[in-house]
PDB file of N, CA and C in Angstrom:
ATOM      1  N   ARG A   1      -8.574 -27.585  -4.844  1.00  0.00           N
ATOM      2  CA  ARG A   1      -7.067 -28.418  -5.223  1.00  0.00           C
ATOM      3  C   ARG A   1      -7.185 -29.119  -6.559  1.00  0.00           C
ATOM      4  N   LYS A   2      -6.301 -28.669  -7.202  1.00  0.00           N
ATOM      5  CA  LYS A   2      -6.474 -29.079  -8.921  1.00  0.00           C
ATOM      6  C   LYS A   2      -5.286 -30.542  -8.574  1.00  0.00           C
ATOM      7  N   ILE A   3      -5.680 -31.817  -8.902  1.00  0.00           N
ATOM      8  CA  ILE A   3      -4.875 -32.898  -9.652  1.00  0.00           C
ATOM      9  C   ILE A   3      -4.826 -33.373 -10.104  1.00  0.00           C
ATOM     10  N   LEU A   4      -3.280 -33.769 -10.426  1.00  0.00           N
ATOM     11  CA  LEU A   4      -2.826 -34.035 -11.750  1.00  0.00           C
ATOM     12  C   LEU A   4      -2.365 -36.493 -11.832  1.00  0.00           C
ATOM     13  N   LEU A   5      -3.584 -36.700 -12.118  1.00  0.00           N
ATOM     14  CA  LEU A   5      -3.014 -38.290 -12.107  1.00  0.00           C
ATOM     15  C   LEU A   5      -2.621 -38.614 -13.237  1.00  0.00           C
ATOM     16  N   LEU A   6      -1.353 -39.008 -13.266  1.00  0.00           N
ATOM     17  CA  LEU A   6      -0.426 -39.898 -14.244  1.00  0.00           C
ATOM     18  C   LEU A   6      -0.957 -41.082 -14.217  1.00  0.00           C
ATOM     19  N   VAL A   7      -1.400 -41.846 -15.662  1.00  0.00           N
ATOM     20  CA  VAL A   7      -1.942 -42.855 -15.360  1.00  0.00           C
ATOM     21  C   VAL A   7      -0.698 -43.809 -16.342  1.00  0.00           C
ATOM     22  N   ASP A   8      -0.938 -45.064 -16.847  1.00  0.00           N
ATOM     23  CA  ASP A   8      -0.409 -45.663 -18.393  1.00  0.00           C
ATOM     24  C   ASP A   8      -1.629 -45.746 -19.266  1.00  0.00           C
ATOM     25  N   ASN A   9      -1.584 -45.965 -20.321  1.00  0.00           N
ATOM     26  CA  ASN A   9      -2.564 -46.044 -21.233  1.00  0.00           C
ATOM     27  C   ASN A   9      -2.870 -47.264 -21.378  1.00  0.00           C
ATOM     28  N   ALA A  10      -3.205 -48.229 -20.181  1.00  0.00           N
ATOM     29  CA  ALA A  10      -4.447 -49.169 -19.563  1.00  0.00           C
ATOM     30  C   ALA A  10      -5.623 -48.917 -20.460  1.00  0.00           C
ATOM     31  N   THR A  11      -6.832 -49.607 -20.963  1.00  0.00           N
ATOM     32  CA  THR A  11      -8.365 -49.579 -21.485  1.00  0.00           C
ATOM     33  C   THR A  11      -8.580 -48.980 -20.639  1.00  0.00           C
ATOM     34  N   SER A  12      -8.722 -50.134 -19.286  1.00  0.00           N
ATOM     35  CA  SER A  12      -9.052 -50.137 -18.135  1.00  0.00           C
ATOM     36  C   SER A  12      -9.402 -48.205 -17.219  1.00  0.00           C
ATOM     37  N   HIS A  13      -8.200 -47.625 -17.921  1.00  0.00           N
ATOM     38  CA  HIS A  13      -7.505 -46.521 -16.953  1.00  0.00           C
ATOM     39  C   HIS A  13      -8.338 -44.914 -17.897  1.00  0.00           C
ATOM     40  N   ALA A  14      -9.099 -45.745 -18.834  1.00  0.00           N
ATOM     41  CA  ALA A  14      -9.838 -45.030 -19.762  1.00  0.00           C
ATOM     42  C   ALA A  14     -11.305 -44.654 -19.726  1.00  0.00           C
ATOM     43  N   ILE A  15     -11.068 -43.507 -18.926  1.00  0.00           N
ATOM     44  CA  ILE A  15     -12.806 -42.902 -18.054  1.00  0.00           C
ATOM     45  C   ILE A  15     -12.839 -41.489 -18.638  1.00  0.00           C
ATOM     46  N   ASP A  16     -14.074 -40.999 -18.563  1.00  0.00           N
ATOM     47  CA  ASP A  16     -14.140 -39.444 -18.344  1.00  0.00           C
ATOM     48  C   ASP A  16     -14.769 -39.166 -17.570  1.00  0.00           C
ATOM     49  N   ASN A  17     -13.950 -38.556 -16.682  1.00  0.00           N
ATOM     50  CA  ASN A  17     -14.271 -38.074 -15.186  1.00  0.00           C
ATOM     51  C   ASN A  17     -14.209 -36.247 -15.375  1.00  0.00           C
ATOM     52  N   SER A  18     -14.101 -35.662 -16.284  1.00  0.00           N
ATOM     53  CA  SER A  18     -14.254 -34.462 -15.944  1.00  0.00           C
ATOM     54  C   SER A  18     -15.224 -33.953 -15.934  1.00  0.00           C
ATOM     55  N   GLU A  19     -16.508 -34.019 -16.467  1.00  0.00           N
ATOM     56  CA  GLU A  19     -17.745 -33.466 -15.608  1.00  0.00           C
ATOM     57  C   GLU A  19     -17.540 -34.005 -13.942  1.00  0.00           C
ATOM     58  N   GLU A  20     -17.723 -35.146 -13.558  1.00  0.00           N
ATOM     59  CA  GLU A  20     -17.574 -35.597 -12.050  1.00  0.00           C
ATOM     60  C   GLU A  20     -16.906 -35.338 -11.246  1.00  0.00           C
ATOM     61  N   TYR A  21     -15.356 -35.137 -11.370  1.00  0.00           N
ATOM     62  CA  TYR A  21     -14.361 -34.388 -10.438  1.00  0.00           C
ATOM     63  C   TYR A  21     -13.619 -33.581 -11.083  1.00  0.00           C
ATOM     64  N   PRO A  22     -14.642 -32.359 -11.654  1.00  0.00           N
ATOM     65  CA  PRO A  22     -13.676 -31.088 -12.699  1.00  0.00           C
ATOM     66  C   PRO A  22     -12.093 -30.687 -11.741  1.00  0.00           C
ATOM     67  N   ASN A  23     -12.092 -31.160 -10.785  1.00  0.00           N
ATOM     68  CA  ASN A  23     -10.509 -30.741 -10.324  1.00  0.00           C
ATOM     69  C   ASN A  23      -9.303 -31.737 -10.416  1.00  0.00           C
ATOM     70  N   ILE A  24      -9.885 -33.211 -11.311  1.00  0.00           N
ATOM     71  CA  ILE A  24      -8.993 -33.757 -11.178  1.00  0.00           C
ATOM     72  C   ILE A  24      -8.419 -34.154 -12.440  1.00  0.00           C
ATOM     73  N   CYS A  25      -7.435 -33.867 -12.839  1.00  0.00           N
ATOM     74  CA  CYS A  25      -7.150 -34.401 -15.094  1.00  0.00           C
ATOM     75  C   CYS A  25      -6.233 -35.559 -15.085  1.00  0.00           C
ATOM     76  N   LEU A  26      -6.992 -36.469 -15.637  1.00  0.00           N
ATOM     77  CA  LEU A  26      -5.741 -37.794 -15.810  1.00  0.00           C
ATOM     78  C   LEU A  26      -5.090 -37.341 -17.362  1.00  0.00           C
ATOM     79  N   HIS A  27      -3.879 -37.667 -16.657  1.00  0.00           N
ATOM     80  CA  HIS A  27      -3.111 -37.631 -18.039  1.00  0.00           C
ATOM     81  C   HIS A  27      -2.194 -38.918 -18.524  1.00  0.00           C
ATOM     82  N   PHE A  28      -3.036 -39.266 -19.511  1.00  0.00           N
ATOM     83  CA  PHE A  28      -2.324 -40.602 -20.221  1.00  0.00           C
ATOM     84  C   PHE A  28      -0.978 -40.888 -20.422  1.00  0.00           C
ATOM     85  N   LEU A  29      -0.047 -41.258 -19.787  1.00  0.00           N
ATOM     86  CA  LEU A  29       1.417 -41.682 -20.734  1.00  0.00           C
ATOM     87  C   LEU A  29       1.197 -41.996 -21.783  1.00  0.00           C
ATOM     88  N   PRO A  30       2.309 -41.830 -22.438  1.00  0.00           N
ATOM     89  CA  PRO A  30       2.213 -41.915 -24.130  1.00  0.00           C
ATOM     90  C   PRO A  30       2.333 -43.910 -24.297  1.00  0.00           C
ATOM     91  N   ALA A  31       1.909 -44.509 -25.430  1.00  0.00           N
ATOM     92  CA  ALA A  31       1.772 -46.045 -25.231  1.00  0.00           C
ATOM     93  C   ALA A  31       3.501 -46.062 -25.687  1.00  0.00           C
ATOM     94  N   ASN A  32       3.675 -47.279 -24.832  1.00  0.00           N
ATOM     95  CA  ASN A  32       4.979 -48.159 -24.384  1.00  0.00           C
ATOM     96  C   ASN A  32       5.933 -47.105 -24.152  1.00  0.00           C
ATOM     97  N   THR A  33       5.383 -46.488 -23.480  1.00  0.00           N
ATOM     98  CA  THR A  33       6.751 -45.437 -22.310  1.00  0.00           C
ATOM     99  C   THR A  33       6.887 -46.286 -20.533  1.00  0.00           C
ATOM    100  N   THR A  34       5.811 -47.045 -20.994  1.00  0.00           N
ATOM    101  CA  THR A  34       6.137 -47.224 -19.121  1.00  0.00           C
ATOM    102  C   THR A  34       7.036 -48.154 -19.299  1.00  0.00           C
ATOM    103  N   ALA A  35       7.528 -49.029 -19.270  1.00  0.00           N
ATOM    104  CA  ALA A  35       9.261 -49.972 -19.279  1.00  0.00           C
ATOM    105  C   ALA A  35      10.259 -48.577 -19.137  1.00  0.00           C
ATOM    106  N   HIS A  36      10.424 -47.425 -19.790  1.00  0.00           N
ATOM    107  CA  HIS A  36      11.505 -46.610 -19.803  1.00  0.00           C
ATOM    108  C   HIS A  36      10.774 -45.476 -18.686  1.00  0.00           C
ATOM    109  N   LEU A  37       9.833 -45.271 -18.802  1.00  0.00           N
ATOM    110  CA  LEU A  37       9.782 -44.073 -16.904  1.00  0.00           C
ATOM    111  C   LEU A  37       9.449 -44.992 -16.079  1.00  0.00           C
ATOM    112  N   GLN A  38       9.144 -46.264 -15.627  1.00  0.00           N
ATOM    113  CA  GLN A  38       8.639 -47.190 -14.429  1.00  0.00           C
ATOM    114  C   GLN A  38       9.858 -48.647 -15.098  1.00  0.00           C
ATOM    115  N   PRO A  39      11.435 -48.565 -15.455  1.00  0.00           N
ATOM    116  CA  PRO A  39      12.050 -49.562 -15.242  1.00  0.00           C
ATOM    117  C   PRO A  39      12.344 -50.690 -14.476  1.00  0.00           C
ATOM    118  N   MET A  40      11.674 -50.050 -13.158  1.00  0.00           N
ATOM    119  CA  MET A  40      12.057 -51.017 -12.038  1.00  0.00           C
ATOM    120  C   MET A  40      10.970 -52.418 -11.876  1.00  0.00           C
ATOM    121  N   ASP A  41       9.563 -51.728 -12.897  1.00  0.00           N
ATOM    122  CA  ASP A  41       8.533 -52.541 -12.931  1.00  0.00           C
ATOM    123  C   ASP A  41       8.773 -54.058 -12.783  1.00  0.00           C
ATOM    124  N   ALA A  42       9.260 -54.068 -13.993  1.00  0.00           N
ATOM    125  CA  ALA A  42      10.170 -55.260 -14.695  1.00  0.00           C
ATOM    126  C   ALA A  42      10.563 -56.473 -13.669  1.00  0.00           C
ATOM    127  N   ASP A  43      11.732 -55.258 -13.236  1.00  0.00           N
ATOM    128  CA  ASP A  43      12.343 -56.227 -12.443  1.00  0.00           C
ATOM    129  C   ASP A  43      11.729 -57.012 -10.797  1.00  0.00           C
ATOM    130  N   ILE A  44      10.708 -55.769 -10.478  1.00  0.00           N
ATOM    131  CA  ILE A  44      10.152 -55.904  -9.542  1.00  0.00           C
ATOM    132  C   ILE A  44       8.794 -57.415  -9.468  1.00  0.00           C
ATOM    133  N   ILE A  45       8.518 -57.133 -10.791  1.00  0.00           N
ATOM    134  CA  ILE A  45       7.474 -58.521 -10.918  1.00  0.00           C
ATOM    135  C   ILE A  45       8.067 -59.659 -10.721  1.00  0.00           C
ATOM    136  N   ASN A  46       8.979 -59.726 -11.910  1.00  0.00           N
ATOM    137  CA  ASN A  46      10.187 -60.608 -12.041  1.00  0.00           C
ATOM    138  C   ASN A  46      10.265 -61.534 -10.617  1.00  0.00           C
ATOM    139  N   ALA A  47      10.864 -60.635  -9.599  1.00  0.00           N
ATOM    140  CA  ALA A  47      11.799 -60.857  -8.631  1.00  0.00           C
ATOM    141  C   ALA A  47      10.422 -61.447  -7.603  1.00  0.00           C
ATOM    142  N   PHE A  48       9.533 -60.809  -7.687  1.00  0.00           N
ATOM    143  CA  PHE A  48       8.324 -61.261  -6.921  1.00  0.00           C
ATOM    144  C   PHE A  48       7.843 -62.598  -7.175  1.00  0.00           C
ATOM    145  N   LYS A  49       7.644 -62.665  -8.531  1.00  0.00           N
ATOM    146  CA  LYS A  49       7.254 -64.225  -8.822  1.00  0.00           C
ATOM    147  C   LYS A  49       8.126 -65.269  -8.996  1.00  0.00           C
ATOM    148  N   ALA A  50       9.371 -65.305  -8.605  1.00  0.00           N
ATOM    149  CA  ALA A  50      10.317 -66.053  -8.664  1.00  0.00           C
ATOM    150  C   ALA A  50      10.010 -66.460  -7.068  1.00  0.00           C
ATOM    151  N   HIS A  51      10.282 -65.212  -6.178  1.00  0.00           N
ATOM    152  CA  HIS A  51       9.945 -65.638  -4.452  1.00  0.00           C
ATOM    153  C   HIS A  51       8.933 -66.239  -4.094  1.00  0.00           C
ATOM    154  N   TYR A  52       7.580 -65.628  -4.719  1.00  0.00           N
ATOM    155  CA  TYR A  52       6.136 -66.087  -4.397  1.00  0.00           C
ATOM    156  C   TYR A  52       6.577 -67.475  -4.930  1.00  0.00           C
ATOM    157  N   LYS A  53       6.969 -68.676  -6.244  1.00  0.00           N
ATOM    158  CA  LYS A  53       6.742 -69.334  -6.522  1.00  0.00           C
ATOM    159  C   LYS A  53       8.065 -70.447  -5.303  1.00  0.00           C
ATOM    160  N   CYS A  54       9.265 -70.086  -5.030  1.00  0.00           N
ATOM    161  CA  CYS A  54      10.256 -70.645  -3.907  1.00  0.00           C
ATOM    162  C   CYS A  54       9.179 -70.691  -3.064  1.00  0.00           C
ATOM    163  N   LEU A  55       8.503 -70.055  -1.848  1.00  0.00           N
ATOM    164  CA  LEU A  55       8.136 -69.761  -0.821  1.00  0.00           C
ATOM    165  C   LEU A  55       6.446 -71.015  -1.018  1.00  0.00           C
ATOM    166  N   TYR A  56       5.648 -70.849  -2.196  1.00  0.00           N
ATOM    167  CA  TYR A  56       4.840 -71.985  -2.420  1.00  0.00           C
ATOM    168  C   TYR A  56       5.131 -73.030  -2.459  1.00  0.00           C
ATOM    169  N   ILE A  57       5.935 -73.477  -2.692  1.00  0.00           N
ATOM    170  CA  ILE A  57       6.907 -75.156  -3.353  1.00  0.00           C
ATOM    171  C   ILE A  57       7.405 -75.590  -2.066  1.00  0.00           C
ATOM    172  N   HIS A  58       8.099 -74.534  -1.163  1.00  0.00           N
ATOM    173  CA  HIS A  58       8.425 -75.173  -0.011  1.00  0.00           C
ATOM    174  C   HIS A  58       7.058 -75.437   0.735  1.00  0.00           C
ATOM    175  N   GLN A  59       5.861 -74.577   0.798  1.00  0.00           N
ATOM    176  CA  GLN A  59       4.736 -75.136   1.517  1.00  0.00           C
ATOM    177  C   GLN A  59       4.097 -76.168   0.921  1.00  0.00           C
ATOM    178  N   VAL A  60       4.133 -76.220  -0.305  1.00  0.00           N
ATOM    179  CA  VAL A  60       3.698 -77.802  -1.145  1.00  0.00           C
ATOM    180  C   VAL A  60       4.683 -78.777  -0.534  1.00  0.00           C
ATOM    181  N   ILE A  61       5.649 -78.920  -0.347  1.00  0.00           N
ATOM    182  CA  ILE A  61       6.929 -79.874   0.297  1.00  0.00           C
ATOM    183  C   ILE A  61       6.160 -79.963   2.096  1.00  0.00           C
ATOM    184  N   ASN A  62       6.057 -79.002   2.449  1.00  0.00           N
ATOM    185  CA  ASN A  62       5.777 -79.220   4.278  1.00  0.00           C
ATOM    186  C   ASN A  62       4.716 -80.066   4.279  1.00  0.00           C
ATOM    187  N   ASP A  63       3.447 -79.587   3.088  1.00  0.00           N
ATOM    188  CA  ASP A  63       1.977 -79.870   3.654  1.00  0.00           C
ATOM    189  C   ASP A  63       2.327 -81.555   3.236  1.00  0.00           C
ATOM    190  N   PHE A  64       2.885 -81.746   2.431  1.00  0.00           N
ATOM    191  CA  PHE A  64       3.121 -82.756   1.765  1.00  0.00           C
ATOM    192  C   PHE A  64       3.554 -83.787   2.218  1.00  0.00           C
ATOM    193  N   ASP A  65       4.363 -83.641   3.237  1.00  0.00           N
ATOM    194  CA  ASP A  65       5.390 -84.023   4.296  1.00  0.00           C
ATOM    195  C   ASP A  65       4.452 -84.271   5.354  1.00  0.00           C
ATOM    196  N   GLU A  66       3.768 -83.311   5.724  1.00  0.00           N
ATOM    197  CA  GLU A  66       2.519 -83.730   6.955  1.00  0.00           C
ATOM    198  C   GLU A  66       1.581 -84.399   6.914  1.00  0.00           C
ATOM    199  N   GLY A  67       1.265 -84.912   5.457  1.00  0.00           N
ATOM    200  CA  GLY A  67       0.499 -85.728   4.994  1.00  0.00           C
ATOM    201  C   GLY A  67      -1.071 -84.973   4.536  1.00  0.00           C
ATOM    202  N   VAL A  68      -1.049 -83.871   4.356  1.00  0.00           N
ATOM    203  CA  VAL A  68      -2.117 -83.067   3.834  1.00  0.00           C
ATOM    204  C   VAL A  68      -2.283 -83.700   2.709  1.00  0.00           C
ATOM    205  N   LYS A  69      -3.630 -83.556   1.776  1.00  0.00           N
ATOM    206  CA  LYS A  69      -4.275 -84.518   1.145  1.00  0.00           C
ATOM    207  C   LYS A  69      -4.651 -82.964   0.110  1.00  0.00           C
ATOM    208  N   GLU A  70      -4.117 -83.105  -1.332  1.00  0.00           N
ATOM    209  CA  GLU A  70      -3.742 -82.227  -2.190  1.00  0.00           C
ATOM    210  C   GLU A  70      -2.739 -80.615  -1.469  1.00  0.00           C
ATOM    211  N   PRO A  71      -1.655 -80.670  -1.313  1.00  0.00           N
ATOM    212  CA  PRO A  71      -0.969 -79.930  -0.896  1.00  0.00           C
ATOM    213  C   PRO A  71      -0.411 -78.916  -1.743  1.00  0.00           C
ATOM    214  N   GLU A  72      -1.085 -78.964  -3.132  1.00  0.00           N
ATOM    215  CA  GLU A  72      -0.675 -78.021  -3.940  1.00  0.00           C
ATOM    216  C   GLU A  72      -1.887 -76.811  -4.229  1.00  0.00           C
ATOM    217  N   LYS A  73      -3.251 -77.211  -3.052  1.00  0.00           N
ATOM    218  CA  LYS A  73      -4.302 -76.842  -3.447  1.00  0.00           C
ATOM    219  C   LYS A  73      -4.221 -75.750  -2.256  1.00  0.00           C
ATOM    220  N   ILE A  74      -4.378 -74.232  -2.414  1.00  0.00           N
ATOM    221  CA  ILE A  74      -4.254 -73.464  -0.969  1.00  0.00           C
ATOM    222  C   ILE A  74      -5.651 -72.202  -1.382  1.00  0.00           C
ATOM    223  N   ASN A  75      -6.345 -71.819  -0.197  1.00  0.00           N
ATOM    224  CA  ASN A  75      -7.006 -70.907   0.190  1.00  0.00           C
ATOM    225  C   ASN A  75      -6.437 -69.832  -0.120  1.00  0.00           C
ATOM    226  N   VAL A  76      -7.496 -68.764  -0.229  1.00  0.00           N
ATOM    227  CA  VAL A  76      -7.374 -67.351  -0.337  1.00  0.00           C
ATOM    228  C   VAL A  76      -6.175 -66.429   0.946  1.00  0.00           C
ATOM    229  N   LEU A  77      -6.600 -67.468   2.431  1.00  0.00           N
ATOM    230  CA  LEU A  77      -5.735 -67.120   3.129  1.00  0.00           C
ATOM    231  C   LEU A  77      -4.451 -66.940   3.020  1.00  0.00           C
ATOM    232  N   GLN A  78      -3.693 -68.660   2.456  1.00  0.00           N
ATOM    233  CA  GLN A  78      -2.356 -68.894   3.029  1.00  0.00           C
ATOM    234  C   GLN A  78      -2.241 -67.800   1.429  1.00  0.00           C
ATOM    235  N   ALA A  79      -2.753 -68.007   0.082  1.00  0.00           N
ATOM    236  CA  ALA A  79      -1.791 -66.945  -1.205  1.00  0.00           C
ATOM    237  C   ALA A  79      -2.050 -65.616   0.150  1.00  0.00           C
ATOM    238  N   MET A  80      -2.919 -64.977   0.251  1.00  0.00           N
ATOM    239  CA  MET A  80      -2.486 -64.062   1.218  1.00  0.00           C
ATOM    240  C   MET A  80      -1.040 -63.447   2.095  1.00  0.00           C
ATOM    241  N   ARG A  81      -0.736 -65.229   2.915  1.00  0.00           N
ATOM    242  CA  ARG A  81      -0.016 -64.985   3.407  1.00  0.00           C
ATOM    243  C   ARG A  81       1.450 -65.204   2.949  1.00  0.00           C
ATOM    244  N   LEU A  82       1.375 -66.167   1.647  1.00  0.00           N
ATOM    245  CA  LEU A  82       2.227 -65.863   0.796  1.00  0.00           C
ATOM    246  C   LEU A  82       2.718 -64.631  -0.002  1.00  0.00           C
ATOM    247  N   VAL A  83       1.520 -64.067  -0.419  1.00  0.00           N
ATOM    248  CA  VAL A  83       2.411 -63.223  -0.763  1.00  0.00           C
ATOM    249  C   VAL A  83       2.974 -61.627   0.139  1.00  0.00           C
ATOM    250  N   LYS A  84       2.233 -61.805   1.278  1.00  0.00           N
ATOM    251  CA  LYS A  84       2.917 -60.704   2.355  1.00  0.00           C
ATOM    252  C   LYS A  84       4.357 -61.289   2.803  1.00  0.00           C
ATOM    253  N   SER A  85       4.492 -62.805   2.646  1.00  0.00           N
ATOM    254  CA  SER A  85       6.035 -63.128   3.101  1.00  0.00           C
ATOM    255  C   SER A  85       6.924 -62.150   1.850  1.00  0.00           C
ATOM    256  N   THR A  86       6.027 -62.911   0.386  1.00  0.00           N
ATOM    257  CA  THR A  86       7.297 -62.706  -0.582  1.00  0.00           C
ATOM    258  C   THR A  86       7.120 -61.002  -0.782  1.00  0.00           C
ATOM    259  N   TRP A  87       6.738 -60.096  -0.334  1.00  0.00           N
ATOM    260  CA  TRP A  87       6.622 -58.400  -0.538  1.00  0.00           C
ATOM    261  C   TRP A  87       7.635 -58.265   0.661  1.00  0.00           C
ATOM    262  N   ASP A  88       7.363 -58.970   1.619  1.00  0.00           N
ATOM    263  CA  ASP A  88       8.575 -58.764   2.712  1.00  0.00           C
ATOM    264  C   ASP A  88      10.600 -58.705   2.301  1.00  0.00           C
ATOM    265  N   GLU A  89      10.055 -59.974   1.764  1.00  0.00           N
ATOM    266  CA  GLU A  89      11.624 -60.203   1.154  1.00  0.00           C
ATOM    267  C   GLU A  89      12.059 -59.692  -0.240  1.00  0.00           C
ATOM    268  N   ILE A  90      10.770 -59.091  -0.795  1.00  0.00           N
ATOM    269  CA  ILE A  90      11.453 -58.397  -2.072  1.00  0.00           C
ATOM    270  C   ILE A  90      11.563 -57.202  -1.583  1.00  0.00           C
ATOM    271  N   LYS A  91      11.393 -56.155  -0.179  1.00  0.00           N
ATOM    272  CA  LYS A  91      11.700 -55.281  -0.171  1.00  0.00           C
ATOM    273  C   LYS A  91      13.253 -55.019   0.338  1.00  0.00           C
ATOM    274  N   VAL A  92      13.352 -55.767   1.171  1.00  0.00           N
ATOM    275  CA  VAL A  92      14.366 -56.352   1.727  1.00  0.00           C
ATOM    276  C   VAL A  92      15.970 -56.677   0.388  1.00  0.00           C
ATOM    277  N   GLU A  93      15.509 -57.213  -0.639  1.00  0.00           N
ATOM    278  CA  GLU A  93      16.298 -57.079  -1.402  1.00  0.00           C
ATOM    279  C   GLU A  93      16.406 -56.285  -2.555  1.00  0.00           C
ATOM    280  N   LEU A  94      15.460 -54.955  -2.275  1.00  0.00           N
ATOM    281  CA  LEU A  94      15.614 -54.176  -3.185  1.00  0.00           C
ATOM    282  C   LEU A  94      15.951 -52.836  -2.651  1.00  0.00           C
ATOM    283  N   ALA A  95      15.880 -52.953  -1.382  1.00  0.00           N
ATOM    284  CA  ALA A  95      16.833 -51.958  -0.305  1.00  0.00           C
ATOM    285  C   ALA A  95      17.810 -52.177  -0.809  1.00  0.00           C
ATOM    286  N   ALA A  96      18.336 -53.596  -0.657  1.00  0.00           N
ATOM    287  CA  ALA A  96      19.747 -53.821  -0.638  1.00  0.00           C
ATOM    288  C   ALA A  96      20.698 -54.011  -2.325  1.00  0.00           C
ATOM    289  N   ASN A  97      19.363 -53.680  -3.093  1.00  0.00           N
ATOM    290  CA  ASN A  97      20.170 -53.895  -4.688  1.00  0.00           C
ATOM    291  C   ASN A  97      20.376 -52.354  -5.048  1.00  0.00           C
ATOM    292  N   GLU A  98      21.642 -51.916  -5.099  1.00  0.00           N
ATOM    293  CA  GLU A  98      22.043 -50.677  -5.877  1.00  0.00           C
ATOM    294  C   GLU A  98      21.509 -50.325  -7.156  1.00  0.00           C
ATOM    295  N   ASP A  99      21.740 -51.709  -8.269  1.00  0.00           N
ATOM    296  CA  ASP A  99      21.488 -51.125  -9.492  1.00  0.00           C
ATOM    297  C   ASP A  99      19.753 -51.184  -9.519  1.00  0.00           C
ATOM    298  N   LEU A 100      19.056 -51.499  -8.618  1.00  0.00           N
ATOM    299  CA  LEU A 100      17.439 -51.168  -9.062  1.00  0.00           C
ATOM    300  C   LEU A 100      17.396 -49.582  -8.406  1.00  0.00           C
ATOM    301  N   ALA A 101      18.594 -48.328  -8.119  1.00  0.00           N
ATOM    302  CA  ALA A 101      17.951 -47.370  -7.610  1.00  0.00           C
ATOM    303  C   ALA A 101      16.988 -46.446  -8.355  1.00  0.00           C
ATOM    304  N   ILE A 102      15.791 -45.833  -7.688  1.00  0.00           N
ATOM    305  CA  ILE A 102      15.151 -45.095  -8.335  1.00  0.00           C
ATOM    306  C   ILE A 102      15.528 -44.158  -8.969  1.00  0.00           C
ATOM    307  N   GLN A 103      15.268 -43.528 -10.181  1.00  0.00           N
ATOM    308  CA  GLN A 103      15.306 -42.884 -10.986  1.00  0.00           C
ATOM    309  C   GLN A 103      14.816 -41.579 -11.090  1.00  0.00           C
ATOM    310  N   GLU A 104      14.876 -40.820 -10.907  1.00  0.00           N
ATOM    311  CA  GLU A 104      14.108 -39.073 -11.408  1.00  0.00           C
ATOM    312  C   GLU A 104      13.561 -39.363 -12.345  1.00  0.00           C
ATOM    313  N   VAL A 105      12.196 -38.828 -12.889  1.00  0.00           N
ATOM    314  CA  VAL A 105      11.988 -38.591 -14.248  1.00  0.00           C
ATOM    315  C   VAL A 105      11.228 -37.033 -13.962  1.00  0.00           C
ATOM    316  N   HIS A 106      11.475 -35.735 -14.371  1.00  0.00           N
ATOM    317  CA  HIS A 106      11.435 -34.793 -14.600  1.00  0.00           C
ATOM    318  C   HIS A 106       9.804 -34.843 -15.032  1.00  0.00           C
ATOM    319  N   ILE A 107       8.736 -33.889 -14.645  1.00  0.00           N
ATOM    320  CA  ILE A 107       7.611 -34.132 -15.158  1.00  0.00           C
ATOM    321  C   ILE A 107       7.329 -33.797 -16.607  1.00  0.00           C
ATOM    322  N   SER A 108       8.009 -32.512 -17.057  1.00  0.00           N
ATOM    323  CA  SER A 108       7.893 -32.294 -18.553  1.00  0.00           C
ATOM    324  C   SER A 108       8.689 -33.303 -19.307  1.00  0.00           C
ATOM    325  N   GLU A 109       9.607 -34.270 -18.769  1.00  0.00           N
ATOM    326  CA  GLU A 109       9.754 -35.686 -19.929  1.00  0.00           C
ATOM    327  C   GLU A 109       8.405 -36.444 -20.298  1.00  0.00           C
ATOM    328  N   ILE A 110       7.688 -36.698 -19.063  1.00  0.00           N
ATOM    329  CA  ILE A 110       6.727 -36.751 -19.323  1.00  0.00           C
ATOM    330  C   ILE A 110       5.267 -36.633 -20.107  1.00  0.00           C
ATOM    331  N   VAL A 111       5.314 -35.311 -20.343  1.00  0.00           N
ATOM    332  CA  VAL A 111       4.207 -34.532 -20.622  1.00  0.00           C
ATOM    333  C   VAL A 111       5.011 -34.376 -22.428  1.00  0.00           C
ATOM    334  N   THR A 112       5.619 -33.849 -22.236  1.00  0.00           N
ATOM    335  CA  THR A 112       6.533 -34.062 -23.555  1.00  0.00           C
ATOM    336  C   THR A 112       6.696 -35.502 -24.459  1.00  0.00           C
ATOM    337  N   ALA A 113       6.647 -36.295 -23.496  1.00  0.00           N
ATOM    338  CA  ALA A 113       7.483 -37.472 -24.670  1.00  0.00           C
ATOM    339  C   ALA A 113       6.179 -38.205 -25.753  1.00  0.00           C
ATOM    340  N   GLN A 114       4.883 -37.434 -25.609  1.00  0.00           N
ATOM    341  CA  GLN A 114       3.544 -37.265 -26.919  1.00  0.00           C
ATOM    342  C   GLN A 114       4.231 -37.147 -27.901  1.00  0.00           C
TER     343      GLN A 114
END
């Protein structure tokens, strides 16, 4: 089975896999097109950061009120729980926001954009 992977042109994606995986073809998107081809990325990231910061501040305030020493310090498990709660809120917000409707992009638009 032939597989085509479309990836942005981040340097971390630049690998030569042609010999090891001959059935997989990596196609790199043209430079500076991620925002055009994936306009929701910026909105999702900004919404995620805002929600995460809000939940984090609420947690710090609650911990401070409970007398926790250094309430601003959280461990990995607490961070993971904040991320999950944040993502759950973001999914609901995105589903309700018609302005962030997903737009179809035909493969020919991506391949010929070079």
